[in-house]
Amino acid sequence: MKYLVNQTIGIEQGDDALFSDYEDGGDMWTGQGPRKRAKSVRFKKPFKDVPSVQVSLSMWDMDSATNARADVSAEKITEKGFDAVFRTWGDTRVARARIRWMAIGPVAHEDDWELY
């Protein structure tokens, strides 16, 4: 559990397209090759410490003739950003995907000061 005590708390959120493979016959749509995509997301301002990041699918366009399989996560989280990662497997064919994310954590405040 992450405790945020006596700090200014910042929340940043966004909505980003991860890929669109149906237009050019990419791996996610053809079902061939690597079935993982990562997108680097950078915060507008860095957090004071590593924030908690929640990621979800906000749009998923897939082939209705195959099984629906997906794993979406936030990886390599730092004060400056994270990687949004989408994975699928088997016969799943995904045309395109978009994610919505939210980061919550301590941020600097104009009244903050450090002794050392």
PDB file of N, CA and C in Angstrom:
ATOM      1  N   MET A   1       0.841  -1.173   0.000  1.00  0.00           N
ATOM      2  CA  MET A   1       0.000   0.000   0.000  1.00  0.00           C
ATOM      3  C   MET A   1       0.884   1.233   0.000  1.00  0.00           C
ATOM      4  N   LYS A   2       0.484   2.226  -0.749  1.00  0.00           N
ATOM      5  CA  LYS A   2       1.222   3.481  -0.807  1.00  0.00           C
ATOM      6  C   LYS A   2       0.484   4.507   0.047  1.00  0.00           C
ATOM      7  N   TYR A   3       1.205   5.131   0.995  1.00  0.00           N
ATOM      8  CA  TYR A   3       0.628   6.151   1.858  1.00  0.00           C
ATOM      9  C   TYR A   3       1.096   7.519   1.399  1.00  0.00           C
ATOM     10  N   LEU A   4       0.184   8.461   1.270  1.00  0.00           N
ATOM     11  CA  LEU A   4       0.510   9.831   0.911  1.00  0.00           C
ATOM     12  C   LEU A   4       0.112  10.699   2.101  1.00  0.00           C
ATOM     13  N   VAL A   5       1.119  11.143   2.856  1.00  0.00           N
ATOM     14  CA  VAL A   5       0.863  11.867   4.090  1.00  0.00           C
ATOM     15  C   VAL A   5       1.459  13.269   3.997  1.00  0.00           C
ATOM     16  N   ASN A   6       0.654  14.275   4.347  1.00  0.00           N
ATOM     17  CA  ASN A   6       1.121  15.665   4.402  1.00  0.00           C
ATOM     18  C   ASN A   6       1.867  16.097   3.148  1.00  0.00           C
ATOM     19  N   GLN A   7       1.350  15.724   2.008  1.00  0.00           N
ATOM     20  CA  GLN A   7       1.981  16.108   0.757  1.00  0.00           C
ATOM     21  C   GLN A   7       0.922  16.648  -0.190  1.00  0.00           C
ATOM     22  N   THR A   8       1.372  17.406  -1.170  1.00  0.00           N
ATOM     23  CA  THR A   8       0.479  17.806  -2.242  1.00  0.00           C
ATOM     24  C   THR A   8       0.389  16.626  -3.198  1.00  0.00           C
ATOM     25  N   ILE A   9      -0.827  16.243  -3.535  1.00  0.00           N
ATOM     26  CA  ILE A   9      -1.042  15.076  -4.378  1.00  0.00           C
ATOM     27  C   ILE A   9      -1.441  15.537  -5.774  1.00  0.00           C
ATOM     28  N   GLY A  10      -0.776  14.986  -6.773  1.00  0.00           N
ATOM     29  CA  GLY A  10      -1.076  15.313  -8.155  1.00  0.00           C
ATOM     30  C   GLY A  10      -1.740  14.147  -8.858  1.00  0.00           C
ATOM     31  N   ILE A  11      -2.638  14.477  -9.778  1.00  0.00           N
ATOM     32  CA  ILE A  11      -3.290  13.477 -10.613  1.00  0.00           C
ATOM     33  C   ILE A  11      -3.133  13.930 -12.053  1.00  0.00           C
ATOM     34  N   GLU A  12      -2.578  13.054 -12.880  1.00  0.00           N
ATOM     35  CA  GLU A  12      -2.496  13.334 -14.308  1.00  0.00           C
ATOM     36  C   GLU A  12      -3.143  12.168 -15.033  1.00  0.00           C
ATOM     37  N   GLN A  13      -3.841  12.472 -16.112  1.00  0.00           N
ATOM     38  CA  GLN A  13      -4.503  11.411 -16.854  1.00  0.00           C
ATOM     39  C   GLN A  13      -4.412  11.679 -18.345  1.00  0.00           C
ATOM     40  N   GLY A  14      -4.633  10.632 -19.128  1.00  0.00           N
ATOM     41  CA  GLY A  14      -4.562  10.786 -20.570  1.00  0.00           C
ATOM     42  C   GLY A  14      -5.266   9.656 -21.283  1.00  0.00           C
ATOM     43  N   ASP A  15      -5.378   9.807 -22.588  1.00  0.00           N
ATOM     44  CA  ASP A  15      -6.001   8.827 -23.457  1.00  0.00           C
ATOM     45  C   ASP A  15      -5.142   8.765 -24.713  1.00  0.00           C
ATOM     46  N   ASP A  16      -4.519   7.627 -24.982  1.00  0.00           N
ATOM     47  CA  ASP A  16      -3.554   7.539 -26.073  1.00  0.00           C
ATOM     48  C   ASP A  16      -3.817   6.317 -26.949  1.00  0.00           C
ATOM     49  N   ALA A  17      -3.696   6.504 -28.260  1.00  0.00           N
ATOM     50  CA  ALA A  17      -3.759   5.384 -29.196  1.00  0.00           C
ATOM     51  C   ALA A  17      -2.473   4.578 -29.045  1.00  0.00           C
ATOM     52  N   LEU A  18      -2.610   3.259 -28.968  1.00  0.00           N
ATOM     53  CA  LEU A  18      -1.429   2.394 -28.862  1.00  0.00           C
ATOM     54  C   LEU A  18      -0.968   1.927 -30.236  1.00  0.00           C
ATOM     55  N   PHE A  19      -1.911   1.504 -31.060  1.00  0.00           N
ATOM     56  CA  PHE A  19      -1.563   1.051 -32.404  1.00  0.00           C
ATOM     57  C   PHE A  19      -2.818   0.993 -33.267  1.00  0.00           C
ATOM     58  N   SER A  20      -2.590   0.937 -34.577  1.00  0.00           N
ATOM     59  CA  SER A  20      -3.656   0.774 -35.561  1.00  0.00           C
ATOM     60  C   SER A  20      -3.081  -0.103 -36.664  1.00  0.00           C
ATOM     61  N   ASP A  21      -3.211  -1.414 -36.526  1.00  0.00           N
ATOM     62  CA  ASP A  21      -2.551  -2.360 -37.424  1.00  0.00           C
ATOM     63  C   ASP A  21      -3.380  -2.806 -38.620  1.00  0.00           C
ATOM     64  N   TYR A  22      -4.674  -2.564 -38.628  1.00  0.00           N
ATOM     65  CA  TYR A  22      -5.481  -3.053 -39.740  1.00  0.00           C
ATOM     66  C   TYR A  22      -5.220  -2.271 -41.033  1.00  0.00           C
ATOM     67  N   GLU A  23      -4.773  -1.038 -40.914  1.00  0.00           N
ATOM     68  CA  GLU A  23      -4.539  -0.195 -42.090  1.00  0.00           C
ATOM     69  C   GLU A  23      -3.359  -0.666 -42.935  1.00  0.00           C
ATOM     70  N   ASP A  24      -2.333  -1.190 -42.267  1.00  0.00           N
ATOM     71  CA  ASP A  24      -1.130  -1.576 -43.003  1.00  0.00           C
ATOM     72  C   ASP A  24      -0.738  -3.039 -42.811  1.00  0.00           C
ATOM     73  N   GLY A  25      -1.656  -3.872 -42.321  1.00  0.00           N
ATOM     74  CA  GLY A  25      -1.373  -5.302 -42.169  1.00  0.00           C
ATOM     75  C   GLY A  25      -0.339  -5.602 -41.105  1.00  0.00           C
ATOM     76  N   GLY A  26      -0.362  -4.847 -40.004  1.00  0.00           N
ATOM     77  CA  GLY A  26       0.603  -5.050 -38.922  1.00  0.00           C
ATOM     78  C   GLY A  26       0.399  -6.357 -38.168  1.00  0.00           C
ATOM     79  N   ASP A  27       1.349  -6.675 -37.300  1.00  0.00           N
ATOM     80  CA  ASP A  27       1.389  -7.952 -36.581  1.00  0.00           C
ATOM     81  C   ASP A  27       0.147  -8.227 -35.740  1.00  0.00           C
ATOM     82  N   MET A  28      -0.390  -7.212 -35.092  1.00  0.00           N
ATOM     83  CA  MET A  28      -1.562  -7.435 -34.242  1.00  0.00           C
ATOM     84  C   MET A  28      -2.777  -7.848 -35.064  1.00  0.00           C
ATOM     85  N   TRP A  29      -2.884  -7.324 -36.290  1.00  0.00           N
ATOM     86  CA  TRP A  29      -4.032  -7.638 -37.144  1.00  0.00           C
ATOM     87  C   TRP A  29      -3.849  -8.963 -37.885  1.00  0.00           C
ATOM     88  N   THR A  30      -2.646  -9.254 -38.332  1.00  0.00           N
ATOM     89  CA  THR A  30      -2.414 -10.495 -39.078  1.00  0.00           C
ATOM     90  C   THR A  30      -2.248 -11.695 -38.155  1.00  0.00           C
ATOM     91  N   GLY A  31      -1.919 -11.448 -36.884  1.00  0.00           N
ATOM     92  CA  GLY A  31      -1.698 -12.552 -35.956  1.00  0.00           C
ATOM     93  C   GLY A  31      -0.319 -13.167 -36.097  1.00  0.00           C
ATOM     94  N   GLN A  32       0.572 -12.496 -36.761  1.00  0.00           N
ATOM     95  CA  GLN A  32       1.932 -12.987 -36.981  1.00  0.00           C
ATOM     96  C   GLN A  32       2.931 -12.102 -36.248  1.00  0.00           C
ATOM     97  N   GLY A  33       4.074 -12.680 -35.882  1.00  0.00           N
ATOM     98  CA  GLY A  33       5.134 -11.891 -35.268  1.00  0.00           C
ATOM     99  C   GLY A  33       4.868 -11.567 -33.815  1.00  0.00           C
ATOM    100  N   PRO A  34       5.589 -10.560 -33.284  1.00  0.00           N
ATOM    101  CA  PRO A  34       5.443 -10.199 -31.872  1.00  0.00           C
ATOM    102  C   PRO A  34       4.029  -9.718 -31.572  1.00  0.00           C
ATOM    103  N   ARG A  35       3.500 -10.139 -30.469  1.00  0.00           N
ATOM    104  CA  ARG A  35       2.128  -9.779 -30.112  1.00  0.00           C
ATOM    105  C   ARG A  35       2.127  -8.872 -28.900  1.00  0.00           C
ATOM    106  N   LYS A  36       3.098  -7.991 -28.831  1.00  0.00           N
ATOM    107  CA  LYS A  36       3.248  -7.055 -27.710  1.00  0.00           C
ATOM    108  C   LYS A  36       3.559  -5.680 -28.282  1.00  0.00           C
ATOM    109  N   ARG A  37       2.899  -4.659 -27.731  1.00  0.00           N
ATOM    110  CA  ARG A  37       3.202  -3.287 -28.106  1.00  0.00           C
ATOM    111  C   ARG A  37       3.362  -2.468 -26.842  1.00  0.00           C
ATOM    112  N   ALA A  38       4.342  -1.589 -26.858  1.00  0.00           N
ATOM    113  CA  ALA A  38       4.584  -0.692 -25.722  1.00  0.00           C
ATOM    114  C   ALA A  38       4.642   0.744 -26.234  1.00  0.00           C
ATOM    115  N   LYS A  39       4.065   1.634 -25.465  1.00  0.00           N
ATOM    116  CA  LYS A  39       4.119   3.062 -25.799  1.00  0.00           C
ATOM    117  C   LYS A  39       4.619   3.806 -24.578  1.00  0.00           C
ATOM    118  N   SER A  40       5.627   4.625 -24.779  1.00  0.00           N
ATOM    119  CA  SER A  40       6.182   5.426 -23.698  1.00  0.00           C
ATOM    120  C   SER A  40       5.272   6.635 -23.460  1.00  0.00           C
ATOM    121  N   VAL A  41       4.877   6.829 -22.200  1.00  0.00           N
ATOM    122  CA  VAL A  41       4.038   7.962 -21.803  1.00  0.00           C
ATOM    123  C   VAL A  41       4.858   8.821 -20.854  1.00  0.00           C
ATOM    124  N   ARG A  42       4.962  10.113 -21.138  1.00  0.00           N
ATOM    125  CA  ARG A  42       5.709  11.041 -20.299  1.00  0.00           C
ATOM    126  C   ARG A  42       4.737  12.002 -19.622  1.00  0.00           C
ATOM    127  N   PHE A  43       4.941  12.215 -18.321  1.00  0.00           N
ATOM    128  CA  PHE A  43       4.102  13.160 -17.588  1.00  0.00           C
ATOM    129  C   PHE A  43       4.487  14.589 -17.969  1.00  0.00           C
ATOM    130  N   LYS A  44       3.531  15.508 -17.881  1.00  0.00           N
ATOM    131  CA  LYS A  44       3.807  16.911 -18.202  1.00  0.00           C
ATOM    132  C   LYS A  44       4.820  17.493 -17.230  1.00  0.00           C
ATOM    133  N   LYS A  45       4.697  17.128 -15.944  1.00  0.00           N
ATOM    134  CA  LYS A  45       5.658  17.506 -14.914  1.00  0.00           C
ATOM    135  C   LYS A  45       5.975  16.255 -14.108  1.00  0.00           C
ATOM    136  N   PRO A  46       7.223  16.087 -13.680  1.00  0.00           N
ATOM    137  CA  PRO A  46       7.548  14.888 -12.901  1.00  0.00           C
ATOM    138  C   PRO A  46       6.915  14.916 -11.508  1.00  0.00           C
ATOM    139  N   PHE A  47       6.616  13.731 -11.005  1.00  0.00           N
ATOM    140  CA  PHE A  47       6.155  13.572  -9.626  1.00  0.00           C
ATOM    141  C   PHE A  47       7.375  13.611  -8.713  1.00  0.00           C
ATOM    142  N   LYS A  48       7.174  13.840  -7.415  1.00  0.00           N
ATOM    143  CA  LYS A  48       8.283  13.832  -6.445  1.00  0.00           C
ATOM    144  C   LYS A  48       8.777  12.413  -6.171  1.00  0.00           C
ATOM    145  N   ASP A  49       7.882  11.448  -6.315  1.00  0.00           N
ATOM    146  CA  ASP A  49       8.193  10.042  -6.091  1.00  0.00           C
ATOM    147  C   ASP A  49       7.431   9.241  -7.146  1.00  0.00           C
ATOM    148  N   VAL A  50       7.712   7.972  -7.249  1.00  0.00           N
ATOM    149  CA  VAL A  50       7.040   7.125  -8.238  1.00  0.00           C
ATOM    150  C   VAL A  50       5.535   7.096  -7.937  1.00  0.00           C
ATOM    151  N   PRO A  51       4.702   7.497  -8.908  1.00  0.00           N
ATOM    152  CA  PRO A  51       3.256   7.517  -8.679  1.00  0.00           C
ATOM    153  C   PRO A  51       2.633   6.131  -8.861  1.00  0.00           C
ATOM    154  N   SER A  52       1.407   6.000  -8.438  1.00  0.00           N
ATOM    155  CA  SER A  52       0.608   4.816  -8.765  1.00  0.00           C
ATOM    156  C   SER A  52      -0.045   5.092 -10.109  1.00  0.00           C
ATOM    157  N   VAL A  53       0.030   4.123 -11.022  1.00  0.00           N
ATOM    158  CA  VAL A  53      -0.512   4.302 -12.366  1.00  0.00           C
ATOM    159  C   VAL A  53      -1.527   3.209 -12.651  1.00  0.00           C
ATOM    160  N   GLN A  54      -2.682   3.610 -13.133  1.00  0.00           N
ATOM    161  CA  GLN A  54      -3.742   2.685 -13.523  1.00  0.00           C
ATOM    162  C   GLN A  54      -3.951   2.836 -15.020  1.00  0.00           C
ATOM    163  N   VAL A  55      -4.031   1.705 -15.742  1.00  0.00           N
ATOM    164  CA  VAL A  55      -4.198   1.709 -17.188  1.00  0.00           C
ATOM    165  C   VAL A  55      -5.383   0.811 -17.542  1.00  0.00           C
ATOM    166  N   SER A  56      -6.210   1.261 -18.485  1.00  0.00           N
ATOM    167  CA  SER A  56      -7.321   0.435 -18.963  1.00  0.00           C
ATOM    168  C   SER A  56      -7.511   0.663 -20.458  1.00  0.00           C
ATOM    169  N   LEU A  57      -8.199  -0.254 -21.104  1.00  0.00           N
ATOM    170  CA  LEU A  57      -8.527  -0.084 -22.520  1.00  0.00           C
ATOM    171  C   LEU A  57      -9.690   0.884 -22.643  1.00  0.00           C
ATOM    172  N   SER A  58      -9.552   1.896 -23.482  1.00  0.00           N
ATOM    173  CA  SER A  58     -10.666   2.807 -23.726  1.00  0.00           C
ATOM    174  C   SER A  58     -11.292   2.533 -25.093  1.00  0.00           C
ATOM    175  N   MET A  59     -10.584   1.785 -25.953  1.00  0.00           N
ATOM    176  CA  MET A  59     -11.129   1.352 -27.231  1.00  0.00           C
ATOM    177  C   MET A  59     -10.356   0.124 -27.687  1.00  0.00           C
ATOM    178  N   TRP A  60     -11.100  -0.864 -28.147  1.00  0.00           N
ATOM    179  CA  TRP A  60     -10.486  -2.083 -28.618  1.00  0.00           C
ATOM    180  C   TRP A  60     -11.279  -2.566 -29.814  1.00  0.00           C
ATOM    181  N   ASP A  61     -10.675  -2.553 -30.988  1.00  0.00           N
ATOM    182  CA  ASP A  61     -11.311  -2.963 -32.230  1.00  0.00           C
ATOM    183  C   ASP A  61     -10.675  -4.272 -32.651  1.00  0.00           C
ATOM    184  N   MET A  62     -11.467  -5.345 -32.614  1.00  0.00           N
ATOM    185  CA  MET A  62     -10.901  -6.662 -32.881  1.00  0.00           C
ATOM    186  C   MET A  62     -11.749  -7.443 -33.868  1.00  0.00           C
ATOM    187  N   ASP A  63     -11.165  -8.490 -34.409  1.00  0.00           N
ATOM    188  CA  ASP A  63     -11.837  -9.388 -35.336  1.00  0.00           C
ATOM    189  C   ASP A  63     -12.837 -10.237 -34.557  1.00  0.00           C
ATOM    190  N   SER A  64     -14.095 -10.257 -34.989  1.00  0.00           N
ATOM    191  CA  SER A  64     -15.125 -11.016 -34.265  1.00  0.00           C
ATOM    192  C   SER A  64     -15.040 -12.521 -34.509  1.00  0.00           C
ATOM    193  N   ALA A  65     -14.217 -12.956 -35.452  1.00  0.00           N
ATOM    194  CA  ALA A  65     -14.103 -14.382 -35.753  1.00  0.00           C
ATOM    195  C   ALA A  65     -13.046 -15.086 -34.899  1.00  0.00           C
ATOM    196  N   THR A  66     -12.314 -14.341 -34.065  1.00  0.00           N
ATOM    197  CA  THR A  66     -11.272 -14.943 -33.230  1.00  0.00           C
ATOM    198  C   THR A  66     -11.554 -14.679 -31.763  1.00  0.00           C
ATOM    199  N   ASN A  67     -10.843 -15.369 -30.907  1.00  0.00           N
ATOM    200  CA  ASN A  67     -11.001 -15.190 -29.465  1.00  0.00           C
ATOM    201  C   ASN A  67     -10.490 -13.821 -29.021  1.00  0.00           C
ATOM    202  N   ALA A  68     -11.159 -13.252 -28.027  1.00  0.00           N
ATOM    203  CA  ALA A  68     -10.767 -11.957 -27.471  1.00  0.00           C
ATOM    204  C   ALA A  68      -9.825 -12.183 -26.294  1.00  0.00           C
ATOM    205  N   ARG A  69      -8.563 -11.815 -26.471  1.00  0.00           N
ATOM    206  CA  ARG A  69      -7.561 -11.964 -25.415  1.00  0.00           C
ATOM    207  C   ARG A  69      -6.743 -10.682 -25.352  1.00  0.00           C
ATOM    208  N   ALA A  70      -6.571 -10.135 -24.147  1.00  0.00           N
ATOM    209  CA  ALA A  70      -5.758  -8.924 -24.014  1.00  0.00           C
ATOM    210  C   ALA A  70      -5.237  -8.795 -22.594  1.00  0.00           C
ATOM    211  N   ASP A  71      -4.064  -8.241 -22.501  1.00  0.00           N
ATOM    212  CA  ASP A  71      -3.460  -7.894 -21.223  1.00  0.00           C
ATOM    213  C   ASP A  71      -2.882  -6.495 -21.406  1.00  0.00           C
ATOM    214  N   VAL A  72      -3.300  -5.552 -20.569  1.00  0.00           N
ATOM    215  CA  VAL A  72      -2.787  -4.190 -20.651  1.00  0.00           C
ATOM    216  C   VAL A  72      -2.249  -3.802 -19.278  1.00  0.00           C
ATOM    217  N   SER A  73      -1.065  -3.190 -19.257  1.00  0.00           N
ATOM    218  CA  SER A  73      -0.443  -2.868 -17.976  1.00  0.00           C
ATOM    219  C   SER A  73       0.473  -1.655 -18.102  1.00  0.00           C
ATOM    220  N   ALA A  74       0.843  -1.115 -16.950  1.00  0.00           N
ATOM    221  CA  ALA A  74       1.836  -0.043 -16.867  1.00  0.00           C
ATOM    222  C   ALA A  74       3.126  -0.672 -16.360  1.00  0.00           C
ATOM    223  N   GLU A  75       4.215  -0.447 -17.068  1.00  0.00           N
ATOM    224  CA  GLU A  75       5.510  -1.009 -16.703  1.00  0.00           C
ATOM    225  C   GLU A  75       6.561   0.094 -16.692  1.00  0.00           C
ATOM    226  N   LYS A  76       7.679  -0.168 -16.047  1.00  0.00           N
ATOM    227  CA  LYS A  76       8.800   0.785 -15.969  1.00  0.00           C
ATOM    228  C   LYS A  76       8.332   2.158 -15.487  1.00  0.00           C
ATOM    229  N   ILE A  77       7.555   2.183 -14.422  1.00  0.00           N
ATOM    230  CA  ILE A  77       7.013   3.433 -13.894  1.00  0.00           C
ATOM    231  C   ILE A  77       8.105   4.205 -13.160  1.00  0.00           C
ATOM    232  N   THR A  78       8.248   5.484 -13.505  1.00  0.00           N
ATOM    233  CA  THR A  78       9.187   6.375 -12.820  1.00  0.00           C
ATOM    234  C   THR A  78       8.460   7.680 -12.509  1.00  0.00           C
ATOM    235  N   GLU A  79       9.173   8.609 -11.907  1.00  0.00           N
ATOM    236  CA  GLU A  79       8.616   9.923 -11.613  1.00  0.00           C
ATOM    237  C   GLU A  79       8.284  10.698 -12.888  1.00  0.00           C
ATOM    238  N   LYS A  80       8.917  10.323 -14.002  1.00  0.00           N
ATOM    239  CA  LYS A  80       8.758  11.066 -15.256  1.00  0.00           C
ATOM    240  C   LYS A  80       7.793  10.433 -16.243  1.00  0.00           C
ATOM    241  N   GLY A  81       7.445   9.152 -16.046  1.00  0.00           N
ATOM    242  CA  GLY A  81       6.550   8.503 -16.987  1.00  0.00           C
ATOM    243  C   GLY A  81       6.508   7.001 -16.802  1.00  0.00           C
ATOM    244  N   PHE A  82       5.968   6.313 -17.791  1.00  0.00           N
ATOM    245  CA  PHE A  82       5.829   4.861 -17.742  1.00  0.00           C
ATOM    246  C   PHE A  82       5.645   4.329 -19.162  1.00  0.00           C
ATOM    247  N   ASP A  83       5.690   3.017 -19.299  1.00  0.00           N
ATOM    248  CA  ASP A  83       5.378   2.359 -20.562  1.00  0.00           C
ATOM    249  C   ASP A  83       4.023   1.690 -20.445  1.00  0.00           C
ATOM    250  N   ALA A  84       3.109   2.017 -21.366  1.00  0.00           N
ATOM    251  CA  ALA A  84       1.822   1.333 -21.462  1.00  0.00           C
ATOM    252  C   ALA A  84       2.046   0.135 -22.372  1.00  0.00           C
ATOM    253  N   VAL A  85       1.727  -1.070 -21.885  1.00  0.00           N
ATOM    254  CA  VAL A  85       2.027  -2.300 -22.619  1.00  0.00           C
ATOM    255  C   VAL A  85       0.742  -3.076 -22.891  1.00  0.00           C
ATOM    256  N   PHE A  86       0.550  -3.454 -24.145  1.00  0.00           N
ATOM    257  CA  PHE A  86      -0.582  -4.268 -24.580  1.00  0.00           C
ATOM    258  C   PHE A  86      -0.040  -5.592 -25.109  1.00  0.00           C
ATOM    259  N   ARG A  87      -0.635  -6.693 -24.662  1.00  0.00           N
ATOM    260  CA  ARG A  87      -0.228  -8.019 -25.134  1.00  0.00           C
ATOM    261  C   ARG A  87      -1.469  -8.812 -25.533  1.00  0.00           C
ATOM    262  N   THR A  88      -1.307  -9.636 -26.558  1.00  0.00           N
ATOM    263  CA  THR A  88      -2.321 -10.617 -26.899  1.00  0.00           C
ATOM    264  C   THR A  88      -1.620 -11.883 -27.367  1.00  0.00           C
ATOM    265  N   TRP A  89      -2.370 -12.958 -27.583  1.00  0.00           N
ATOM    266  CA  TRP A  89      -1.764 -14.237 -27.929  1.00  0.00           C
ATOM    267  C   TRP A  89      -2.788 -15.092 -28.663  1.00  0.00           C
ATOM    268  N   GLY A  90      -2.320 -16.261 -29.088  1.00  0.00           N
ATOM    269  CA  GLY A  90      -3.197 -17.205 -29.783  1.00  0.00           C
ATOM    270  C   GLY A  90      -3.677 -16.646 -31.117  1.00  0.00           C
ATOM    271  N   ASP A  91      -4.941 -16.915 -31.445  1.00  0.00           N
ATOM    272  CA  ASP A  91      -5.481 -16.488 -32.734  1.00  0.00           C
ATOM    273  C   ASP A  91      -6.130 -15.103 -32.706  1.00  0.00           C
ATOM    274  N   THR A  92      -6.022 -14.390 -31.599  1.00  0.00           N
ATOM    275  CA  THR A  92      -6.639 -13.069 -31.480  1.00  0.00           C
ATOM    276  C   THR A  92      -6.067 -12.114 -32.521  1.00  0.00           C
ATOM    277  N   ARG A  93      -6.966 -11.389 -33.185  1.00  0.00           N
ATOM    278  CA  ARG A  93      -6.573 -10.390 -34.183  1.00  0.00           C
ATOM    279  C   ARG A  93      -7.138  -9.046 -33.745  1.00  0.00           C
ATOM    280  N   VAL A  94      -6.236  -8.099 -33.477  1.00  0.00           N
ATOM    281  CA  VAL A  94      -6.642  -6.786 -32.993  1.00  0.00           C
ATOM    282  C   VAL A  94      -6.319  -5.747 -34.061  1.00  0.00           C
ATOM    283  N   ALA A  95      -7.342  -5.002 -34.472  1.00  0.00           N
ATOM    284  CA  ALA A  95      -7.150  -3.973 -35.492  1.00  0.00           C
ATOM    285  C   ALA A  95      -6.497  -2.735 -34.901  1.00  0.00           C
ATOM    286  N   ARG A  96      -6.995  -2.308 -33.733  1.00  0.00           N
ATOM    287  CA  ARG A  96      -6.441  -1.120 -33.085  1.00  0.00           C
ATOM    288  C   ARG A  96      -6.843  -1.099 -31.619  1.00  0.00           C
ATOM    289  N   ALA A  97      -6.078  -0.343 -30.840  1.00  0.00           N
ATOM    290  CA  ALA A  97      -6.350  -0.241 -29.402  1.00  0.00           C
ATOM    291  C   ALA A  97      -5.943   1.139 -28.904  1.00  0.00           C
ATOM    292  N   ARG A  98      -6.694   1.610 -27.933  1.00  0.00           N
ATOM    293  CA  ARG A  98      -6.406   2.878 -27.267  1.00  0.00           C
ATOM    294  C   ARG A  98      -6.509   2.646 -25.761  1.00  0.00           C
ATOM    295  N   ILE A  99      -5.669   3.331 -24.992  1.00  0.00           N
ATOM    296  CA  ILE A  99      -5.694   3.180 -23.535  1.00  0.00           C
ATOM    297  C   ILE A  99      -6.023   4.504 -22.870  1.00  0.00           C
ATOM    298  N   ARG A 100      -6.606   4.393 -21.698  1.00  0.00           N
ATOM    299  CA  ARG A 100      -6.834   5.543 -20.820  1.00  0.00           C
ATOM    300  C   ARG A 100      -6.021   5.255 -19.557  1.00  0.00           C
ATOM    301  N   TRP A 101      -5.355   6.268 -19.037  1.00  0.00           N
ATOM    302  CA  TRP A 101      -4.496   6.062 -17.878  1.00  0.00           C
ATOM    303  C   TRP A 101      -4.661   7.203 -16.876  1.00  0.00           C
ATOM    304  N   MET A 102      -4.277   6.892 -15.637  1.00  0.00           N
ATOM    305  CA  MET A 102      -4.283   7.901 -14.579  1.00  0.00           C
ATOM    306  C   MET A 102      -3.125   7.611 -13.632  1.00  0.00           C
ATOM    307  N   ALA A 103      -2.370   8.667 -13.314  1.00  0.00           N
ATOM    308  CA  ALA A 103      -1.254   8.574 -12.370  1.00  0.00           C
ATOM    309  C   ALA A 103      -1.565   9.454 -11.163  1.00  0.00           C
ATOM    310  N   ILE A 104      -1.345   8.906  -9.962  1.00  0.00           N
ATOM    311  CA  ILE A 104      -1.599   9.633  -8.714  1.00  0.00           C
ATOM    312  C   ILE A 104      -0.361   9.519  -7.835  1.00  0.00           C
ATOM    313  N   GLY A 105       0.137  10.663  -7.370  1.00  0.00           N
ATOM    314  CA  GLY A 105       1.310  10.630  -6.511  1.00  0.00           C
ATOM    315  C   GLY A 105       1.668  12.001  -5.985  1.00  0.00           C
ATOM    316  N   PRO A 106       2.711  12.058  -5.157  1.00  0.00           N
ATOM    317  CA  PRO A 106       3.135  13.339  -4.568  1.00  0.00           C
ATOM    318  C   PRO A 106       3.784  14.237  -5.620  1.00  0.00           C
ATOM    319  N   VAL A 107       3.477  15.525  -5.534  1.00  0.00           N
ATOM    320  CA  VAL A 107       4.073  16.502  -6.444  1.00  0.00           C
ATOM    321  C   VAL A 107       4.668  17.660  -5.640  1.00  0.00           C
ATOM    322  N   ALA A 108       5.561  18.375  -6.274  1.00  0.00           N
ATOM    323  CA  ALA A 108       6.184  19.526  -5.617  1.00  0.00           C
ATOM    324  C   ALA A 108       5.166  20.652  -5.454  1.00  0.00           C
ATOM    325  N   HIS A 109       5.331  21.397  -4.388  1.00  0.00           N
ATOM    326  CA  HIS A 109       4.473  22.541  -4.115  1.00  0.00           C
ATOM    327  C   HIS A 109       5.378  23.747  -3.909  1.00  0.00           C
ATOM    328  N   GLU A 110       4.884  24.925  -4.241  1.00  0.00           N
ATOM    329  CA  GLU A 110       5.714  26.138  -4.131  1.00  0.00           C
ATOM    330  C   GLU A 110       6.179  26.407  -2.697  1.00  0.00           C
ATOM    331  N   ASP A 111       5.477  25.893  -1.699  1.00  0.00           N
ATOM    332  CA  ASP A 111       5.878  26.102  -0.304  1.00  0.00           C
ATOM    333  C   ASP A 111       6.849  25.034   0.201  1.00  0.00           C
ATOM    334  N   ASP A 112       7.175  24.045  -0.628  1.00  0.00           N
ATOM    335  CA  ASP A 112       8.138  22.997  -0.216  1.00  0.00           C
ATOM    336  C   ASP A 112       9.534  23.597  -0.086  1.00  0.00           C
ATOM    337  N   TRP A 113      10.278  23.082   0.863  1.00  0.00           N
ATOM    338  CA  TRP A 113      11.681  23.452   0.983  1.00  0.00           C
ATOM    339  C   TRP A 113      12.432  22.259   1.551  1.00  0.00           C
ATOM    340  N   GLU A 114      13.708  22.189   1.211  1.00  0.00           N
ATOM    341  CA  GLU A 114      14.548  21.084   1.649  1.00  0.00           C
ATOM    342  C   GLU A 114      15.692  21.625   2.479  1.00  0.00           C
ATOM    343  N   LEU A 115      16.017  20.898   3.552  1.00  0.00           N
ATOM    344  CA  LEU A 115      17.115  21.313   4.407  1.00  0.00           C
ATOM    345  C   LEU A 115      18.464  20.976   3.808  1.00  0.00           C
ATOM    346  N   TYR A 116      18.544  19.857   3.116  1.00  0.00           N
ATOM    347  CA  TYR A 116      19.843  19.408   2.600  1.00  0.00           C
ATOM    348  C   TYR A 116      19.760  19.074   1.147  1.00  0.00           C
TER     349      TYR A 116
END
